Protein backbone atom coordinates (compact mmCIF):
# COMPACT_ATOMS: atom_id res chain seq x y z
CA UNK A 1 4.48 -2.31 16.02
CA UNK A 2 5.88 -2.27 19.42
CA UNK A 3 5.40 -5.09 21.66
CA UNK A 4 7.15 -7.60 19.36
CA UNK A 5 4.60 -9.12 16.94
CA UNK A 6 5.29 -12.71 15.89
CA UNK A 7 3.58 -14.77 13.28
CA UNK A 8 2.64 -18.24 14.34
CA UNK A 9 3.20 -21.05 11.79
CA UNK A 10 -0.48 -21.25 11.20
CA UNK A 11 -0.54 -17.53 10.35
CA UNK A 12 2.17 -18.12 7.80
CA UNK A 13 0.23 -20.98 6.25
CA UNK A 14 -2.85 -18.82 5.89
CA UNK A 15 -1.01 -15.82 4.47
CA UNK A 16 -1.94 -14.75 0.90
CA UNK A 17 0.56 -12.40 -0.54
CA UNK A 18 -0.93 -9.47 -2.44
CA UNK A 19 1.43 -6.91 -3.98
CA UNK A 20 0.44 -3.77 -5.57
CA UNK A 21 1.18 -2.50 -9.08
CA UNK A 22 4.53 -0.75 -9.14
CA UNK A 23 5.27 2.32 -11.19
CA UNK A 24 8.15 2.25 -13.67
CA UNK A 25 7.46 5.12 -15.93
CA UNK A 26 3.84 6.05 -15.56
CA UNK A 27 1.76 7.67 -18.31
CA UNK A 28 3.07 7.93 -21.84
CA UNK A 29 1.58 11.43 -22.19
CA UNK A 30 0.88 14.13 -19.64
CA UNK A 31 -2.60 13.80 -18.12
CA UNK A 32 -4.25 17.12 -17.72
CA UNK A 33 -5.75 16.31 -14.30
CA UNK A 34 -5.05 17.89 -10.99
CA UNK A 35 -6.59 16.31 -7.91
CA UNK A 36 -8.25 18.64 -5.39
CA UNK A 37 -9.83 17.84 -2.04
CA UNK A 38 -12.93 19.53 -0.56
CA UNK A 39 -13.41 20.98 1.94
CA UNK A 40 -9.99 22.60 2.45
CA UNK A 41 -9.83 21.78 6.11
CA UNK A 42 -11.17 18.41 7.16
CA UNK A 43 -10.96 15.49 9.48
CA UNK A 44 -12.96 12.29 9.10
CA UNK A 45 -12.83 9.05 10.99
CA UNK A 46 -14.32 5.63 10.08
CA UNK A 47 -13.87 2.00 10.89
CA UNK A 48 -11.72 0.12 8.39
CA UNK A 49 -11.50 -3.43 7.23
CA UNK A 50 -8.40 -5.50 6.66
CA UNK A 51 -8.32 -8.37 4.21
CA UNK A 52 -5.69 -10.17 2.25
CA UNK A 53 -5.25 -7.11 0.08
CA UNK A 54 -4.86 -4.41 2.60
CA UNK A 55 -7.02 -1.52 4.00
CA UNK A 56 -10.47 -1.54 2.43
CA UNK A 57 -12.58 1.57 2.20
CA UNK A 58 -15.95 2.55 0.71
CA UNK A 59 -15.97 5.19 -2.00
CA UNK A 60 -18.83 6.80 -3.92
CA UNK A 61 -18.26 8.10 -7.47
CA UNK A 62 -19.86 10.99 -9.25
CA UNK A 63 -23.19 12.61 -8.69
CA UNK A 64 -24.82 9.15 -8.84
CA UNK A 65 -22.75 8.07 -5.81
CA UNK A 66 -21.84 4.80 -7.40
CA UNK A 67 -20.39 2.63 -4.72
CA UNK A 68 -16.89 1.07 -5.18
CA UNK A 69 -14.95 -0.90 -2.53
CA UNK A 70 -11.27 -0.09 -3.02
CA UNK A 71 -7.93 -0.44 -1.21
CA UNK A 72 -5.60 2.26 0.05
CA UNK A 73 -2.19 1.86 -1.51
CA UNK A 74 0.66 4.35 -1.21
CA UNK A 75 2.92 2.44 -3.58
CA UNK A 76 0.64 2.41 -6.56
CA UNK A 77 -1.20 4.73 -8.87
CA UNK A 78 -4.96 4.74 -8.53
CA UNK A 79 -6.57 2.01 -10.69
CA UNK A 80 -10.01 0.54 -11.32
CA UNK A 81 -11.28 -2.59 -13.03
CA UNK A 82 -12.41 -1.88 -16.63
CA UNK A 83 -15.82 -3.51 -16.33
CA UNK A 84 -16.84 -1.13 -13.54
CA UNK A 85 -16.49 2.14 -15.43
CA UNK A 86 -18.15 1.19 -18.74
CA UNK A 87 -21.45 2.88 -17.89
CA UNK A 88 -20.26 5.38 -15.26
CA UNK A 89 -21.03 8.88 -16.54
CA UNK A 90 -18.68 10.44 -13.95
CA UNK A 91 -15.70 8.63 -15.53
CA UNK A 92 -14.19 9.84 -18.82
CA UNK A 93 -11.54 7.71 -20.59
CA UNK A 94 -8.79 9.76 -22.17
CA UNK A 95 -8.34 9.49 -25.95
CA UNK A 96 -4.69 10.47 -25.89
CA UNK A 97 -3.24 9.34 -22.63
CA UNK A 98 -2.25 5.74 -21.70
CA UNK A 99 -0.02 4.05 -19.19
CA UNK A 100 2.83 1.63 -19.40
CA UNK A 101 4.27 0.06 -16.25
CA UNK A 102 5.01 -3.30 -14.67
CA UNK A 103 3.66 -5.25 -11.75
CA UNK A 104 5.71 -6.47 -8.75
CA UNK A 105 6.46 -9.79 -10.51
CA UNK A 106 7.95 -8.00 -13.47
CA UNK A 107 5.04 -8.39 -15.91
CA UNK A 108 4.82 -5.45 -18.32
CA UNK A 109 1.28 -4.06 -18.65
CA UNK A 110 -0.21 -1.11 -20.46
CA UNK A 111 -3.65 0.34 -20.95
CA UNK A 112 -5.94 3.40 -20.94
CA UNK A 113 -6.24 6.10 -18.37
CA UNK A 114 -9.40 7.94 -17.32
CA UNK A 115 -10.54 10.58 -14.89
CA UNK A 116 -13.41 10.41 -12.35
CA UNK A 117 -14.90 13.84 -11.73
CA UNK A 118 -15.48 13.18 -8.03
CA UNK A 119 -14.67 10.34 -5.55
CA UNK A 120 -16.26 10.70 -2.13
CA UNK A 121 -14.84 9.12 1.03
CA UNK A 122 -16.92 9.79 4.13
CA UNK A 123 -17.69 13.59 3.65
CA UNK A 124 -14.46 14.32 1.78
CA UNK A 125 -14.51 14.73 -1.95
CA UNK A 126 -11.56 14.17 -4.33
CA UNK A 127 -12.06 15.81 -7.69
CA UNK A 128 -10.51 15.02 -11.06
CA UNK A 129 -8.93 11.70 -9.93
CA UNK A 130 -6.96 9.83 -12.66
CA UNK A 131 -7.24 6.06 -12.72
CA UNK A 132 -5.37 3.45 -14.65
CA UNK A 133 -7.98 1.15 -16.29
CA UNK A 134 -7.01 -2.40 -15.45
CA UNK A 135 -8.27 -5.27 -17.58
CA UNK A 136 -10.50 -7.75 -15.76
CA UNK A 137 -8.92 -11.09 -15.22
CA UNK A 138 -10.80 -14.44 -15.35
CA UNK A 139 -8.68 -15.48 -12.35
CA UNK A 140 -9.65 -12.39 -10.35
CA UNK A 141 -11.30 -13.44 -7.08
CA UNK A 142 -10.84 -10.23 -5.21
CA UNK A 143 -13.88 -8.49 -3.74
CA UNK A 144 -12.42 -5.00 -4.05
CA UNK A 145 -12.83 -2.94 -7.22
CA UNK A 146 -9.46 -1.21 -7.38
CA UNK A 147 -7.00 1.11 -5.56
CA UNK A 148 -6.96 4.66 -4.33
CA UNK A 149 -3.28 5.35 -4.85
CA UNK A 150 -0.51 7.76 -4.00
CA UNK A 151 -1.88 10.70 -5.95
CA UNK A 152 -5.01 10.91 -3.84
CA UNK A 153 -3.41 9.70 -0.52
CA UNK A 154 -0.83 12.48 -0.76
CA UNK A 155 -3.56 15.09 -0.32
CA UNK A 156 -3.65 14.61 3.44
CA UNK A 157 -2.66 12.77 6.59
CA UNK A 158 -3.74 9.23 7.24
CA UNK A 159 -3.73 7.59 10.71
CA UNK A 160 -4.22 3.85 10.83
CA UNK A 161 -5.18 2.80 14.32
CA UNK A 162 -4.76 -0.98 14.57
CA UNK A 163 -5.95 -1.15 18.18
CA UNK A 164 -9.37 0.53 17.62
CA UNK A 165 -9.65 -0.46 13.93
CA UNK A 166 -10.22 3.22 13.04
CA UNK A 167 -8.96 5.10 10.00
CA UNK A 168 -8.58 8.89 10.18
CA UNK A 169 -7.94 11.17 7.21
CA UNK A 170 -7.23 14.87 8.01
CA UNK A 171 -5.74 17.98 6.44
CA UNK A 172 -3.73 19.20 9.43
CA UNK A 173 -1.33 17.33 11.66
CA UNK A 174 -2.38 19.55 14.59
CA UNK A 175 -5.78 17.86 14.63
CA UNK A 176 -4.19 14.66 15.94
CA UNK A 177 -3.94 15.13 19.74
CA UNK A 178 -1.72 11.96 20.07
CA UNK A 179 1.02 13.64 18.07
CA UNK A 180 2.66 14.86 21.29
CA UNK A 181 3.01 11.24 22.37
CA UNK A 182 4.42 10.16 19.09
CA UNK A 183 7.90 9.87 17.56
CA UNK A 184 9.06 9.90 13.99
CA UNK A 185 9.58 6.59 12.30
CA UNK A 186 12.68 7.09 10.06
CA UNK A 187 11.60 7.20 6.45
CA UNK A 188 12.40 9.25 3.37
CA UNK A 189 9.56 10.30 1.01
CA UNK A 190 11.20 9.88 -2.33
CA UNK A 191 9.10 11.17 -5.20
CA UNK A 192 6.09 8.82 -5.12
CA UNK A 193 7.61 6.29 -2.76
CA UNK A 194 8.51 6.00 0.94
CA UNK A 195 11.92 4.42 1.58
CA UNK A 196 13.32 2.98 4.82
CA UNK A 197 16.92 1.93 5.42
CA UNK A 198 16.90 -1.56 7.10
CA UNK A 199 20.07 -3.06 8.63
CA UNK A 200 20.04 -6.86 8.48
CA UNK A 201 23.36 -7.23 10.27
CA UNK A 202 26.73 -8.40 9.07
CA UNK A 203 27.14 -5.09 7.23
CA UNK A 204 24.08 -5.69 5.03
CA UNK A 205 21.68 -2.76 4.71
CA UNK A 206 18.86 -2.47 2.21
CA UNK A 207 16.64 0.34 1.09
CA UNK A 208 13.08 -1.04 1.45
CA UNK A 209 9.89 0.61 0.21
CA UNK A 210 6.74 0.87 2.28
CA UNK A 211 3.84 -0.66 0.40
CA UNK A 212 0.45 -0.76 2.15
CA UNK A 213 -0.78 -2.92 -0.69
CA UNK A 214 1.48 -5.80 0.40
CA UNK A 215 0.06 -7.61 3.38
CA UNK A 216 3.27 -9.26 4.61
CA UNK A 217 6.21 -7.95 6.76
CA UNK A 218 9.20 -7.74 4.48
CA UNK A 219 9.62 -9.01 0.90
CA UNK A 220 12.62 -9.05 -1.35
CA UNK A 221 14.04 -10.78 -4.49
CA UNK A 222 15.27 -14.30 -3.91
CA UNK A 223 18.99 -13.58 -4.50
CA UNK A 224 19.02 -10.86 -1.86
CA UNK A 225 16.94 -13.04 0.52
CA UNK A 226 19.61 -15.73 0.26
CA UNK A 227 22.42 -13.27 1.00
CA UNK A 228 20.90 -12.08 4.36
CA UNK A 229 19.51 -15.43 5.63
CA UNK A 230 20.96 -16.24 9.07
CA UNK A 231 18.23 -18.46 10.51
CA UNK A 232 18.31 -22.20 10.04
CA UNK A 233 14.51 -22.39 10.08
CA UNK A 234 13.06 -21.67 6.68
CA UNK A 235 9.33 -21.83 6.01
CA UNK A 236 8.56 -23.11 2.49
CA UNK A 237 4.94 -22.73 1.68
CA UNK A 238 2.77 -22.43 -1.45
CA UNK A 239 1.10 -19.05 -1.71
CA UNK A 240 -0.97 -16.94 -4.10
CA UNK A 241 0.89 -13.90 -5.37
CA UNK A 242 -1.65 -11.44 -6.73
CA UNK A 243 -1.11 -8.30 -8.78
CA UNK A 244 -3.72 -6.21 -10.56
CA UNK A 245 -2.97 -7.95 -13.79
CA UNK A 246 -3.06 -11.60 -12.77
CA UNK A 247 -2.23 -14.10 -10.04
CA UNK A 248 0.55 -16.64 -9.69
CA UNK A 249 0.91 -19.62 -7.47
CA UNK A 250 4.44 -19.50 -6.03
CA UNK A 251 6.59 -21.11 -3.39
CA UNK A 252 7.20 -18.57 -0.69
CA UNK A 253 10.34 -18.85 1.45
CA UNK A 254 10.31 -17.04 4.88
CA UNK A 255 12.39 -16.81 8.00
CA UNK A 256 12.27 -14.77 11.17
CA UNK A 257 15.02 -12.19 11.70
CA UNK A 258 15.81 -9.23 13.93
CA UNK A 259 16.40 -6.10 11.92
CA UNK A 260 17.74 -2.71 12.94
CA UNK A 261 15.97 0.51 11.84
CA UNK A 262 17.64 3.63 13.20
CA UNK A 263 19.01 1.80 16.25
CA UNK A 264 15.68 0.18 17.06
CA UNK A 265 15.34 -3.60 16.77
CA UNK A 266 12.33 -5.38 15.34
CA UNK A 267 11.63 -9.10 15.01
CA UNK A 268 10.12 -9.53 11.55
CA UNK A 269 9.26 -12.15 8.89
CA UNK A 270 11.40 -11.83 5.77
CA UNK A 271 9.93 -13.52 2.69
CA UNK A 272 10.71 -14.07 -0.96
CA UNK A 273 9.31 -16.02 -3.95
CA UNK A 274 10.49 -16.61 -7.54
CA UNK A 275 8.38 -13.79 -8.95
CA UNK A 276 9.03 -10.76 -6.80
CA UNK A 277 11.60 -8.21 -7.90
CA UNK A 278 11.09 -5.46 -5.34
CA UNK A 279 12.12 -4.83 -1.74
CA UNK A 280 9.01 -4.02 0.31
CA UNK A 281 7.83 -3.40 3.85
CA UNK A 282 4.24 -4.36 4.08
CA UNK A 283 1.18 -3.63 6.18
CA UNK A 284 1.78 -6.48 8.63
CA UNK A 285 5.11 -4.91 9.76
CA UNK A 286 3.08 -1.99 11.17
CA UNK A 287 0.46 -4.02 12.97
CA UNK A 288 2.84 -4.26 15.99
CA UNK A 289 2.29 -0.53 16.53
CA UNK A 290 -0.87 0.70 18.19
CA UNK A 291 -1.07 3.18 15.33
CA UNK A 292 0.92 4.67 12.52
CA UNK A 293 0.40 8.16 10.98
CA UNK A 294 1.43 8.82 7.33
CA UNK A 295 1.79 12.56 7.01
CA UNK A 296 2.06 13.19 3.33
CA UNK A 297 1.90 16.99 3.78
CA UNK A 298 5.12 17.29 5.86
CA UNK A 299 6.57 13.95 4.62
CA UNK A 300 6.79 12.18 7.98
CA UNK A 301 5.68 8.98 9.60
CA UNK A 302 4.70 8.87 13.26
CA UNK A 303 4.36 6.02 15.75
CA UNK A 304 3.72 5.95 19.49
CA UNK A 305 6.73 7.01 21.45
CA UNK A 306 8.97 4.50 23.26
CA UNK A 307 6.95 1.32 22.72
CA UNK A 308 9.62 -1.11 21.50
């Protein structure tokens, strides 16, 4: 994001907030599954789609190559809608492992966990991929089938090129020629999350978590939102706040602000609603960059050098 990217008022009106499932304490029992990727050295590139839920990719499950359209989400476990795996022979539900967690709006959910023997993306194959089995919702109007989460994403390096609308997945950072023209975006890979320290001015700094499953700029609980608000112009709009478990219609408050990240200043849209209880940096924040590279192997994020 580097020439400053500003939302118009119409963009804000059209925005539909989608926030991923957030881990609290994962599986109740240890799942005996270890994801592997084949081949060992790889690099694939494909066009990607962006919708209100994030980055959409095509995957093919098992030897039958059953097609599922799912989102990439670094701030979520992998999950799949329950109705889609009932007759899938490549997917085995565990009899003794379940999950218990909560969504971004604080709703506690629990359910079964299963493993898909192989998930193919382009010519890359993930094996033994665990998925939370999410109950289907009558209010679910999303076209995607689930999420490929942090466990699978962490097996390589992902480049999101917003300018060319190309997604690249590779095993080695050296395979990205543009790395010599890139600089590190300051972030800390903390267990299964990526944290960024954001300075909102007036001595207020917040640890925010990058969430590619949230399609806005920055999101935070309403009490923290009120404490950092400096702009007199507040947008108050009804929005749909979706999680894997259900959807809520909420009033979203937003304002534009300039934030400081490691001595670099960014104009961004800061939002809140009455449901959210997490601090997030979403996908739209990164659209201002020509590209962003998430290197889960060496735990770094790269952006083009000296653009802002």
